[in-house]
Protein backbone atom coordinates (compact mmCIF):
# COMPACT_ATOMS: atom_id res chain seq x y z
CA MET A 1 71.69 23.04 -143.23
CA ASN A 2 74.30 23.20 -145.97
CA LYS A 3 73.99 19.99 -148.00
CA LYS A 4 77.75 20.06 -148.61
CA TRP A 5 78.24 18.93 -145.00
CA ALA A 6 76.50 15.68 -144.23
CA VAL A 7 76.84 15.62 -140.47
CA LYS A 8 78.07 12.40 -138.92
CA ARG A 9 78.87 12.51 -135.22
CA ILE A 10 81.50 10.42 -133.53
CA THR A 11 82.59 10.00 -129.94
CA LEU A 12 86.30 10.28 -129.35
CA ASN A 13 87.82 8.85 -126.18
CA LEU A 14 91.01 10.64 -125.17
CA THR A 15 93.29 10.26 -122.19
CA ALA A 16 93.53 13.25 -119.87
CA SER A 17 96.94 14.12 -121.29
CA GLU A 18 95.70 13.88 -124.89
CA MET A 19 92.76 16.16 -124.08
CA LYS A 20 95.05 18.64 -122.34
CA TYR A 21 97.35 18.63 -125.38
CA LEU A 22 94.44 19.20 -127.76
CA GLU A 23 92.99 21.99 -125.61
CA GLU A 24 96.37 23.71 -125.34
CA TYR A 25 96.90 23.48 -129.09
CA CYS A 26 93.44 24.90 -129.76
CA GLN A 27 93.99 27.72 -127.31
CA ARG A 28 97.35 28.65 -128.83
CA THR A 29 96.08 28.54 -132.41
CA GLY A 30 92.62 29.95 -131.73
CA ARG A 31 91.04 27.06 -133.62
CA PRO A 32 88.18 24.82 -132.44
CA ALA A 33 89.00 21.18 -131.72
CA THR A 34 86.58 20.05 -134.44
CA ASP A 35 88.56 21.91 -137.11
CA VAL A 36 91.88 20.55 -135.83
CA ILE A 37 90.59 16.96 -135.81
CA ARG A 38 89.06 17.34 -139.30
CA GLU A 39 92.35 18.64 -140.64
CA LEU A 40 94.23 15.72 -139.11
CA ILE A 41 91.78 13.25 -140.65
CA ARG A 42 92.14 14.88 -144.07
CA SER A 43 95.92 14.57 -143.83
CA LEU A 44 95.77 10.79 -143.35
CA GLU A 45 97.08 8.71 -146.20
CA ILE A 46 95.12 5.75 -147.50
CA ASN A 47 96.51 2.89 -149.54
CA LYS A 48 94.91 2.06 -152.85
CA ALA A 49 95.01 -1.43 -154.37
CA GLU A 50 97.93 -0.47 -156.61
CA GLY A 51 99.94 0.47 -153.50
CA VAL A 52 100.02 4.21 -154.14
CA ASN A 53 99.35 6.51 -151.18
CA HIS A 54 96.62 9.10 -151.65
CA LYS A 55 95.49 11.70 -149.19
CA VAL A 56 91.87 11.65 -148.07
CA ASN A 57 91.06 15.07 -149.51
CA GLN A 58 92.43 13.98 -152.90
CA SER A 59 89.97 11.08 -152.83
CA GLU A 60 87.17 13.46 -151.86
CA GLN A 61 87.96 15.62 -154.90
CA LEU A 62 87.64 12.61 -157.18
CA ILE A 63 84.29 11.66 -155.63
CA GLN A 64 82.92 15.19 -156.11
CA GLN A 65 83.78 15.24 -159.84
């Protein structure tokens, strides 16, 4: 297993319409749901104490340095 990816599994409860929407999006784009959900998570903004918004992947870059 690639040590870059520490696997952490989650269970996601979706309504039938949300699941249908996700499946349709994945089918149209040819991307797996896991990749779509990861991308959405990375695009989330988090608030730091000083009130500045930072994206999750920007924070990950700082941690890796």
